[in-house]
Amino acid sequence: YVADASVFPSASGVNPMITNMAIADMISRGIGK
């Protein structure tokens, strides 16, 4: 898996920290399940 800002489909348009974390939150919860 990849879980960082490199998976963004395009530019986030805002400072990427929160978007990055939210996507990682989703990915990791799926991995845990």
Full PDB file with SEQRES, HELIX, SHEET, SSBOND, CRYST1, ORIGX, SCALE, CONECT and MASTER records, all heavy atoms in Angstrom:
SEQRES   1 A   33  TYR VAL ALA ASP ALA SER VAL PHE PRO SER ALA SER GLY          
SEQRES   2 A   33  VAL ASN PRO MET ILE THR ASN MET ALA ILE ALA ASP MET          
SEQRES   3 A   33  ILE SER ARG GLY ILE GLY LYS                                  
HELIX    1 AA1 ALA A    5  VAL A    7  5                                   3    
HELIX    2 AA2 MET A   17  GLY A   32  1                                  16    
CRYST1    1.000    1.000    1.000  90.00  90.00  90.00 P 1           1          
ORIGX1      1.000000  0.000000  0.000000        0.00000                         
ORIGX2      0.000000  1.000000  0.000000        0.00000                         
ORIGX3      0.000000  0.000000  1.000000        0.00000                         
SCALE1      1.000000  0.000000  0.000000        0.00000                         
SCALE2      0.000000  1.000000  0.000000        0.00000                         
SCALE3      0.000000  0.000000  1.000000        0.00000                         
ATOM      1  N   TYR A   1       0.845  -1.198   0.000  1.00  0.00           N  
ATOM      2  CA  TYR A   1       0.000   0.000   0.000  1.00  0.00           C  
ATOM      3  C   TYR A   1       0.884   1.253   0.000  1.00  0.00           C  
ATOM      4  O   TYR A   1       2.037   1.227   0.429  1.00  0.00           O  
ATOM      5  CB  TYR A   1      -0.889   0.029   1.247  1.00  0.00           C  
ATOM      6  CG  TYR A   1      -1.857  -1.127   1.339  1.00  0.00           C  
ATOM      7  CD1 TYR A   1      -1.440  -2.366   1.821  1.00  0.00           C  
ATOM      8  CD2 TYR A   1      -3.185  -0.988   0.944  1.00  0.00           C  
ATOM      9  CE1 TYR A   1      -2.322  -3.443   1.907  1.00  0.00           C  
ATOM     10  CE2 TYR A   1      -4.075  -2.053   1.028  1.00  0.00           C  
ATOM     11  CZ  TYR A   1      -3.638  -3.272   1.506  1.00  0.00           C  
ATOM     12  OH  TYR A   1      -4.504  -4.331   1.578  1.00  0.00           O  
ATOM     13  N   VAL A   2       0.284   2.344  -0.460  1.00  0.00           N  
ATOM     14  CA  VAL A   2       0.904   3.659  -0.321  1.00  0.00           C  
ATOM     15  C   VAL A   2      -0.082   4.536   0.428  1.00  0.00           C  
ATOM     16  O   VAL A   2      -1.275   4.561   0.108  1.00  0.00           O  
ATOM     17  CB  VAL A   2       1.258   4.291  -1.680  1.00  0.00           C  
ATOM     18  CG1 VAL A   2       1.877   5.669  -1.474  1.00  0.00           C  
ATOM     19  CG2 VAL A   2       2.200   3.394  -2.465  1.00  0.00           C  
ATOM     20  N   ALA A   3       0.387   5.242   1.449  1.00  0.00           N  
ATOM     21  CA  ALA A   3      -0.475   6.114   2.248  1.00  0.00           C  
ATOM     22  C   ALA A   3       0.269   7.403   2.566  1.00  0.00           C  
ATOM     23  O   ALA A   3       0.883   7.547   3.621  1.00  0.00           O  
ATOM     24  CB  ALA A   3      -0.913   5.409   3.531  1.00  0.00           C  
ATOM     25  N   ASP A   4       0.276   8.304   1.621  1.00  0.00           N  
ATOM     26  CA  ASP A   4       0.851   9.635   1.814  1.00  0.00           C  
ATOM     27  C   ASP A   4       0.301  10.537   0.718  1.00  0.00           C  
ATOM     28  O   ASP A   4      -0.587  10.130  -0.047  1.00  0.00           O  
ATOM     29  CB  ASP A   4       2.389   9.588   1.803  1.00  0.00           C  
ATOM     30  CG  ASP A   4       2.971   8.972   0.530  1.00  0.00           C  
ATOM     31  OD1 ASP A   4       2.329   9.062  -0.534  1.00  0.00           O  
ATOM     32  OD2 ASP A   4       4.074   8.390   0.608  1.00  0.00           O  
ATOM     33  N   ALA A   5       0.817  11.748   0.606  1.00  0.00           N  
ATOM     34  CA  ALA A   5       0.267  12.698  -0.368  1.00  0.00           C  
ATOM     35  C   ALA A   5       0.543  12.295  -1.807  1.00  0.00           C  
ATOM     36  O   ALA A   5      -0.047  12.865  -2.725  1.00  0.00           O  
ATOM     37  CB  ALA A   5       0.817  14.096  -0.104  1.00  0.00           C  
ATOM     38  N   SER A   6       1.398  11.301  -2.021  1.00  0.00           N  
ATOM     39  CA  SER A   6       1.652  10.862  -3.401  1.00  0.00           C  
ATOM     40  C   SER A   6       0.448  10.183  -4.019  1.00  0.00           C  
ATOM     41  O   SER A   6       0.385  10.027  -5.235  1.00  0.00           O  
ATOM     42  CB  SER A   6       2.872   9.925  -3.455  1.00  0.00           C  
ATOM     43  OG  SER A   6       2.584   8.643  -2.936  1.00  0.00           O  
ATOM     44  N   VAL A   7      -0.558   9.770  -3.227  1.00  0.00           N  
ATOM     45  CA  VAL A   7      -1.739   9.114  -3.792  1.00  0.00           C  
ATOM     46  C   VAL A   7      -2.811  10.116  -4.187  1.00  0.00           C  
ATOM     47  O   VAL A   7      -3.848   9.712  -4.748  1.00  0.00           O  
ATOM     48  CB  VAL A   7      -2.341   8.060  -2.830  1.00  0.00           C  
ATOM     49  CG1 VAL A   7      -1.284   7.058  -2.405  1.00  0.00           C  
ATOM     50  CG2 VAL A   7      -3.011   8.697  -1.624  1.00  0.00           C  
ATOM     51  N   PHE A   8      -2.617  11.411  -3.930  1.00  0.00           N  
ATOM     52  CA  PHE A   8      -3.631  12.391  -4.319  1.00  0.00           C  
ATOM     53  C   PHE A   8      -3.908  12.274  -5.823  1.00  0.00           C  
ATOM     54  O   PHE A   8      -2.963  12.244  -6.627  1.00  0.00           O  
ATOM     55  CB  PHE A   8      -3.166  13.814  -4.029  1.00  0.00           C  
ATOM     56  CG  PHE A   8      -3.127  14.207  -2.570  1.00  0.00           C  
ATOM     57  CD1 PHE A   8      -3.258  13.265  -1.558  1.00  0.00           C  
ATOM     58  CD2 PHE A   8      -2.953  15.535  -2.217  1.00  0.00           C  
ATOM     59  CE1 PHE A   8      -3.209  13.632  -0.218  1.00  0.00           C  
ATOM     60  CE2 PHE A   8      -2.901  15.923  -0.890  1.00  0.00           C  
ATOM     61  CZ  PHE A   8      -3.033  14.966   0.119  1.00  0.00           C  
ATOM     62  N   PRO A   9      -5.176  12.257  -6.225  1.00  0.00           N  
ATOM     63  CA  PRO A   9      -5.497  12.184  -7.663  1.00  0.00           C  
ATOM     64  C   PRO A   9      -5.059  13.424  -8.439  1.00  0.00           C  
ATOM     65  O   PRO A   9      -4.814  13.360  -9.643  1.00  0.00           O  
ATOM     66  CB  PRO A   9      -7.022  12.042  -7.671  1.00  0.00           C  
ATOM     67  CG  PRO A   9      -7.360  11.493  -6.327  1.00  0.00           C  
ATOM     68  CD  PRO A   9      -6.371  12.117  -5.385  1.00  0.00           C  
ATOM     69  N   SER A  10      -4.986  14.560  -7.769  1.00  0.00           N  
ATOM     70  CA  SER A  10      -4.475  15.805  -8.354  1.00  0.00           C  
ATOM     71  C   SER A  10      -4.111  16.698  -7.178  1.00  0.00           C  
ATOM     72  O   SER A  10      -4.134  16.259  -6.023  1.00  0.00           O  
ATOM     73  CB  SER A  10      -5.527  16.462  -9.266  1.00  0.00           C  
ATOM     74  OG  SER A  10      -6.691  16.826  -8.539  1.00  0.00           O  
ATOM     75  N   ALA A  11      -3.782  17.951  -7.446  1.00  0.00           N  
ATOM     76  CA  ALA A  11      -3.390  18.853  -6.366  1.00  0.00           C  
ATOM     77  C   ALA A  11      -4.562  19.088  -5.418  1.00  0.00           C  
ATOM     78  O   ALA A  11      -5.707  19.238  -5.844  1.00  0.00           O  
ATOM     79  CB  ALA A  11      -2.899  20.175  -6.939  1.00  0.00           C  
ATOM     80  N   SER A  12      -4.269  19.145  -4.128  1.00  0.00           N  
ATOM     81  CA  SER A  12      -5.324  19.297  -3.122  1.00  0.00           C  
ATOM     82  C   SER A  12      -5.881  20.712  -3.054  1.00  0.00           C  
ATOM     83  O   SER A  12      -7.001  20.919  -2.600  1.00  0.00           O  
ATOM     84  CB  SER A  12      -4.794  18.899  -1.740  1.00  0.00           C  
ATOM     85  OG  SER A  12      -3.722  19.738  -1.354  1.00  0.00           O  
ATOM     86  N   GLY A  13      -5.094  21.699  -3.473  1.00  0.00           N  
ATOM     87  CA  GLY A  13      -5.570  23.080  -3.432  1.00  0.00           C  
ATOM     88  C   GLY A  13      -5.466  23.725  -2.068  1.00  0.00           C  
ATOM     89  O   GLY A  13      -5.651  24.929  -1.937  1.00  0.00           O  
ATOM     90  N   VAL A  14      -5.204  22.941  -1.034  1.00  0.00           N  
ATOM     91  CA  VAL A  14      -4.948  23.451   0.315  1.00  0.00           C  
ATOM     92  C   VAL A  14      -3.699  22.763   0.845  1.00  0.00           C  
ATOM     93  O   VAL A  14      -3.266  21.746   0.293  1.00  0.00           O  
ATOM     94  CB  VAL A  14      -6.133  23.182   1.274  1.00  0.00           C  
ATOM     95  CG1 VAL A  14      -7.346  24.009   0.907  1.00  0.00           C  
ATOM     96  CG2 VAL A  14      -6.478  21.693   1.316  1.00  0.00           C  
ATOM     97  N   ASN A  15      -3.143  23.302   1.922  1.00  0.00           N  
ATOM     98  CA  ASN A  15      -1.997  22.648   2.553  1.00  0.00           C  
ATOM     99  C   ASN A  15      -2.352  21.173   2.747  1.00  0.00           C  
ATOM    100  O   ASN A  15      -3.388  20.851   3.319  1.00  0.00           O  
ATOM    101  CB  ASN A  15      -1.697  23.315   3.888  1.00  0.00           C  
ATOM    102  CG  ASN A  15      -1.531  24.816   3.736  1.00  0.00           C  
ATOM    103  OD1 ASN A  15      -2.479  25.515   3.410  1.00  0.00           O  
ATOM    104  ND2 ASN A  15      -0.341  25.312   3.950  1.00  0.00           N  
ATOM    105  N   PRO A  16      -1.523  20.251   2.274  1.00  0.00           N  
ATOM    106  CA  PRO A  16      -1.967  18.857   2.119  1.00  0.00           C  
ATOM    107  C   PRO A  16      -2.049  18.029   3.388  1.00  0.00           C  
ATOM    108  O   PRO A  16      -2.506  16.886   3.337  1.00  0.00           O  
ATOM    109  CB  PRO A  16      -0.925  18.268   1.158  1.00  0.00           C  
ATOM    110  CG  PRO A  16       0.283  19.125   1.306  1.00  0.00           C  
ATOM    111  CD  PRO A  16      -0.219  20.501   1.630  1.00  0.00           C  
ATOM    112  N   MET A  17      -1.635  18.553   4.554  1.00  0.00           N  
ATOM    113  CA  MET A  17      -1.554  17.714   5.753  1.00  0.00           C  
ATOM    114  C   MET A  17      -2.874  17.028   6.088  1.00  0.00           C  
ATOM    115  O   MET A  17      -2.923  15.808   6.287  1.00  0.00           O  
ATOM    116  CB  MET A  17      -1.097  18.543   6.952  1.00  0.00           C  
ATOM    117  CG  MET A  17      -1.095  17.756   8.263  1.00  0.00           C  
ATOM    118  SD  MET A  17      -0.418  18.673   9.663  1.00  0.00           S  
ATOM    119  CE  MET A  17      -1.592  20.014   9.827  1.00  0.00           C  
ATOM    120  N   ILE A  18      -3.964  17.775   6.179  1.00  0.00           N  
ATOM    121  CA  ILE A  18      -5.233  17.202   6.630  1.00  0.00           C  
ATOM    122  C   ILE A  18      -5.768  16.205   5.606  1.00  0.00           C  
ATOM    123  O   ILE A  18      -6.246  15.115   5.965  1.00  0.00           O  
ATOM    124  CB  ILE A  18      -6.256  18.315   6.916  1.00  0.00           C  
ATOM    125  CG1 ILE A  18      -5.747  19.235   8.030  1.00  0.00           C  
ATOM    126  CG2 ILE A  18      -7.611  17.713   7.293  1.00  0.00           C  
ATOM    127  CD1 ILE A  18      -5.452  18.544   9.339  1.00  0.00           C  
ATOM    128  N   THR A  19      -5.689  16.534   4.322  1.00  0.00           N  
ATOM    129  CA  THR A  19      -6.126  15.610   3.278  1.00  0.00           C  
ATOM    130  C   THR A  19      -5.303  14.330   3.320  1.00  0.00           C  
ATOM    131  O   THR A  19      -5.832  13.217   3.217  1.00  0.00           O  
ATOM    132  CB  THR A  19      -5.994  16.272   1.894  1.00  0.00           C  
ATOM    133  OG1 THR A  19      -6.717  17.494   1.886  1.00  0.00           O  
ATOM    134  CG2 THR A  19      -6.535  15.367   0.800  1.00  0.00           C  
ATOM    135  N   ASN A  20      -4.000  14.477   3.484  1.00  0.00           N  
ATOM    136  CA  ASN A  20      -3.085  13.341   3.582  1.00  0.00           C  
ATOM    137  C   ASN A  20      -3.485  12.431   4.745  1.00  0.00           C  
ATOM    138  O   ASN A  20      -3.620  11.206   4.604  1.00  0.00           O  
ATOM    139  CB  ASN A  20      -1.661  13.888   3.764  1.00  0.00           C  
ATOM    140  CG  ASN A  20      -0.590  12.819   3.827  1.00  0.00           C  
ATOM    141  OD1 ASN A  20      -0.853  11.626   3.783  1.00  0.00           O  
ATOM    142  ND2 ASN A  20       0.650  13.250   3.947  1.00  0.00           N  
ATOM    143  N   MET A  21      -3.678  13.022   5.905  1.00  0.00           N  
ATOM    144  CA  MET A  21      -4.019  12.244   7.092  1.00  0.00           C  
ATOM    145  C   MET A  21      -5.367  11.549   6.947  1.00  0.00           C  
ATOM    146  O   MET A  21      -5.539  10.398   7.374  1.00  0.00           O  
ATOM    147  CB  MET A  21      -4.014  13.151   8.324  1.00  0.00           C  
ATOM    148  CG  MET A  21      -2.630  13.584   8.770  1.00  0.00           C  
ATOM    149  SD  MET A  21      -2.715  14.650  10.236  1.00  0.00           S  
ATOM    150  CE  MET A  21      -1.029  14.502  10.845  1.00  0.00           C  
ATOM    151  N   ALA A  22      -6.341  12.257   6.376  1.00  0.00           N  
ATOM    152  CA  ALA A  22      -7.672  11.667   6.220  1.00  0.00           C  
ATOM    153  C   ALA A  22      -7.638  10.463   5.284  1.00  0.00           C  
ATOM    154  O   ALA A  22      -8.282   9.437   5.540  1.00  0.00           O  
ATOM    155  CB  ALA A  22      -8.651  12.718   5.708  1.00  0.00           C  
ATOM    156  N   ILE A  23      -6.886  10.563   4.189  1.00  0.00           N  
ATOM    157  CA  ILE A  23      -6.761   9.432   3.269  1.00  0.00           C  
ATOM    158  C   ILE A  23      -6.031   8.279   3.942  1.00  0.00           C  
ATOM    159  O   ILE A  23      -6.415   7.108   3.803  1.00  0.00           O  
ATOM    160  CB  ILE A  23      -6.050   9.870   1.976  1.00  0.00           C  
ATOM    161  CG1 ILE A  23      -6.932  10.860   1.195  1.00  0.00           C  
ATOM    162  CG2 ILE A  23      -5.713   8.663   1.101  1.00  0.00           C  
ATOM    163  CD1 ILE A  23      -6.272  11.448  -0.024  1.00  0.00           C  
ATOM    164  N   ALA A  24      -4.975   8.591   4.700  1.00  0.00           N  
ATOM    165  CA  ALA A  24      -4.251   7.544   5.430  1.00  0.00           C  
ATOM    166  C   ALA A  24      -5.143   6.892   6.474  1.00  0.00           C  
ATOM    167  O   ALA A  24      -5.048   5.679   6.726  1.00  0.00           O  
ATOM    168  CB  ALA A  24      -3.005   8.138   6.091  1.00  0.00           C  
ATOM    169  N   ASP A  25      -6.015   7.681   7.077  1.00  0.00           N  
ATOM    170  CA  ASP A  25      -6.968   7.139   8.041  1.00  0.00           C  
ATOM    171  C   ASP A  25      -7.862   6.102   7.366  1.00  0.00           C  
ATOM    172  O   ASP A  25      -8.076   5.003   7.890  1.00  0.00           O  
ATOM    173  CB  ASP A  25      -7.807   8.284   8.615  1.00  0.00           C  
ATOM    174  CG  ASP A  25      -8.765   7.835   9.706  1.00  0.00           C  
ATOM    175  OD1 ASP A  25      -8.292   7.443  10.782  1.00  0.00           O  
ATOM    176  OD2 ASP A  25      -9.991   7.872   9.472  1.00  0.00           O  
ATOM    177  N   MET A  26      -8.367   6.436   6.196  1.00  0.00           N  
ATOM    178  CA  MET A  26      -9.212   5.510   5.449  1.00  0.00           C  
ATOM    179  C   MET A  26      -8.447   4.254   5.032  1.00  0.00           C  
ATOM    180  O   MET A  26      -8.905   3.125   5.239  1.00  0.00           O  
ATOM    181  CB  MET A  26      -9.779   6.213   4.210  1.00  0.00           C  
ATOM    182  CG  MET A  26     -10.616   5.331   3.293  1.00  0.00           C  
ATOM    183  SD  MET A  26      -9.665   4.474   1.977  1.00  0.00           S  
ATOM    184  CE  MET A  26      -9.225   5.846   0.910  1.00  0.00           C  
ATOM    185  N   ILE A  27      -7.263   4.432   4.467  1.00  0.00           N  
ATOM    186  CA  ILE A  27      -6.485   3.286   3.980  1.00  0.00           C  
ATOM    187  C   ILE A  27      -6.114   2.354   5.125  1.00  0.00           C  
ATOM    188  O   ILE A  27      -6.259   1.135   5.031  1.00  0.00           O  
ATOM    189  CB  ILE A  27      -5.219   3.788   3.245  1.00  0.00           C  
ATOM    190  CG1 ILE A  27      -5.612   4.461   1.923  1.00  0.00           C  
ATOM    191  CG2 ILE A  27      -4.253   2.627   2.978  1.00  0.00           C  
ATOM    192  CD1 ILE A  27      -4.449   5.153   1.217  1.00  0.00           C  
ATOM    193  N   SER A  28      -5.647   2.915   6.233  1.00  0.00           N  
ATOM    194  CA  SER A  28      -5.188   2.070   7.341  1.00  0.00           C  
ATOM    195  C   SER A  28      -6.339   1.339   8.013  1.00  0.00           C  
ATOM    196  O   SER A  28      -6.172   0.188   8.466  1.00  0.00           O  
ATOM    197  CB  SER A  28      -4.419   2.911   8.365  1.00  0.00           C  
ATOM    198  OG  SER A  28      -5.207   3.962   8.876  1.00  0.00           O  
ATOM    199  N   ARG A  29      -7.490   1.951   8.085  1.00  0.00           N  
ATOM    200  CA  ARG A  29      -8.640   1.252   8.663  1.00  0.00           C  
ATOM    201  C   ARG A  29      -9.040   0.068   7.783  1.00  0.00           C  
ATOM    202  O   ARG A  29      -9.438  -0.995   8.290  1.00  0.00           O  
ATOM    203  CB  ARG A  29      -9.802   2.218   8.870  1.00  0.00           C  
ATOM    204  CG  ARG A  29      -9.553   3.198  10.003  1.00  0.00           C  
ATOM    205  CD  ARG A  29     -10.647   4.237  10.181  1.00  0.00           C  
ATOM    206  NE  ARG A  29     -10.234   5.187  11.197  1.00  0.00           N  
ATOM    207  CZ  ARG A  29     -10.397   4.995  12.513  1.00  0.00           C  
ATOM    208  NH1 ARG A  29     -10.976   3.893  12.957  1.00  0.00           N  
ATOM    209  NH2 ARG A  29      -9.982   5.907  13.375  1.00  0.00           N  
ATOM    210  N   GLY A  30      -8.909   0.239   6.471  1.00  0.00           N  
ATOM    211  CA  GLY A  30      -9.173  -0.880   5.570  1.00  0.00           C  
ATOM    212  C   GLY A  30      -8.165  -2.003   5.733  1.00  0.00           C  
ATOM    213  O   GLY A  30      -8.519  -3.196   5.728  1.00  0.00           O  
ATOM    214  N   ILE A  31      -6.887  -1.638   5.894  1.00  0.00           N  
ATOM    215  CA  ILE A  31      -5.843  -2.650   6.104  1.00  0.00           C  
ATOM    216  C   ILE A  31      -6.080  -3.392   7.415  1.00  0.00           C  
ATOM    217  O   ILE A  31      -5.941  -4.622   7.493  1.00  0.00           O  
ATOM    218  CB  ILE A  31      -4.450  -1.986   6.100  1.00  0.00           C  
ATOM    219  CG1 ILE A  31      -4.143  -1.387   4.728  1.00  0.00           C  
ATOM    220  CG2 ILE A  31      -3.366  -2.994   6.485  1.00  0.00           C  
ATOM    221  CD1 ILE A  31      -2.896  -0.518   4.702  1.00  0.00           C  
ATOM    222  N   GLY A  32      -6.429  -2.653   8.455  1.00  0.00           N  
ATOM    223  CA  GLY A  32      -6.685  -3.278   9.744  1.00  0.00           C  
ATOM    224  C   GLY A  32      -7.820  -4.277   9.681  1.00  0.00           C  
ATOM    225  O   GLY A  32      -7.735  -5.373  10.265  1.00  0.00           O  
ATOM    226  N   LYS A  33      -8.873  -3.926   8.963  1.00  0.00           N  
ATOM    227  CA  LYS A  33     -10.003  -4.848   8.821  1.00  0.00           C  
ATOM    228  C   LYS A  33      -9.578  -6.100   8.068  1.00  0.00           C  
ATOM    229  O   LYS A  33      -9.945  -7.223   8.424  1.00  0.00           O  
ATOM    230  CB  LYS A  33     -11.154  -4.153   8.100  1.00  0.00           C  
ATOM    231  CG  LYS A  33     -12.426  -4.988   7.987  1.00  0.00           C  
ATOM    232  CD  LYS A  33     -13.541  -4.206   7.319  1.00  0.00           C  
ATOM    233  CE  LYS A  33     -14.839  -5.021   7.314  1.00  0.00           C  
ATOM    234  NZ  LYS A  33     -14.710  -6.327   6.677  1.00  0.00           N  
TER     235      LYS A  33                                                      
MASTER        0    0    0    2    0    0    0    6  234    1    0    3          
END                                                                             
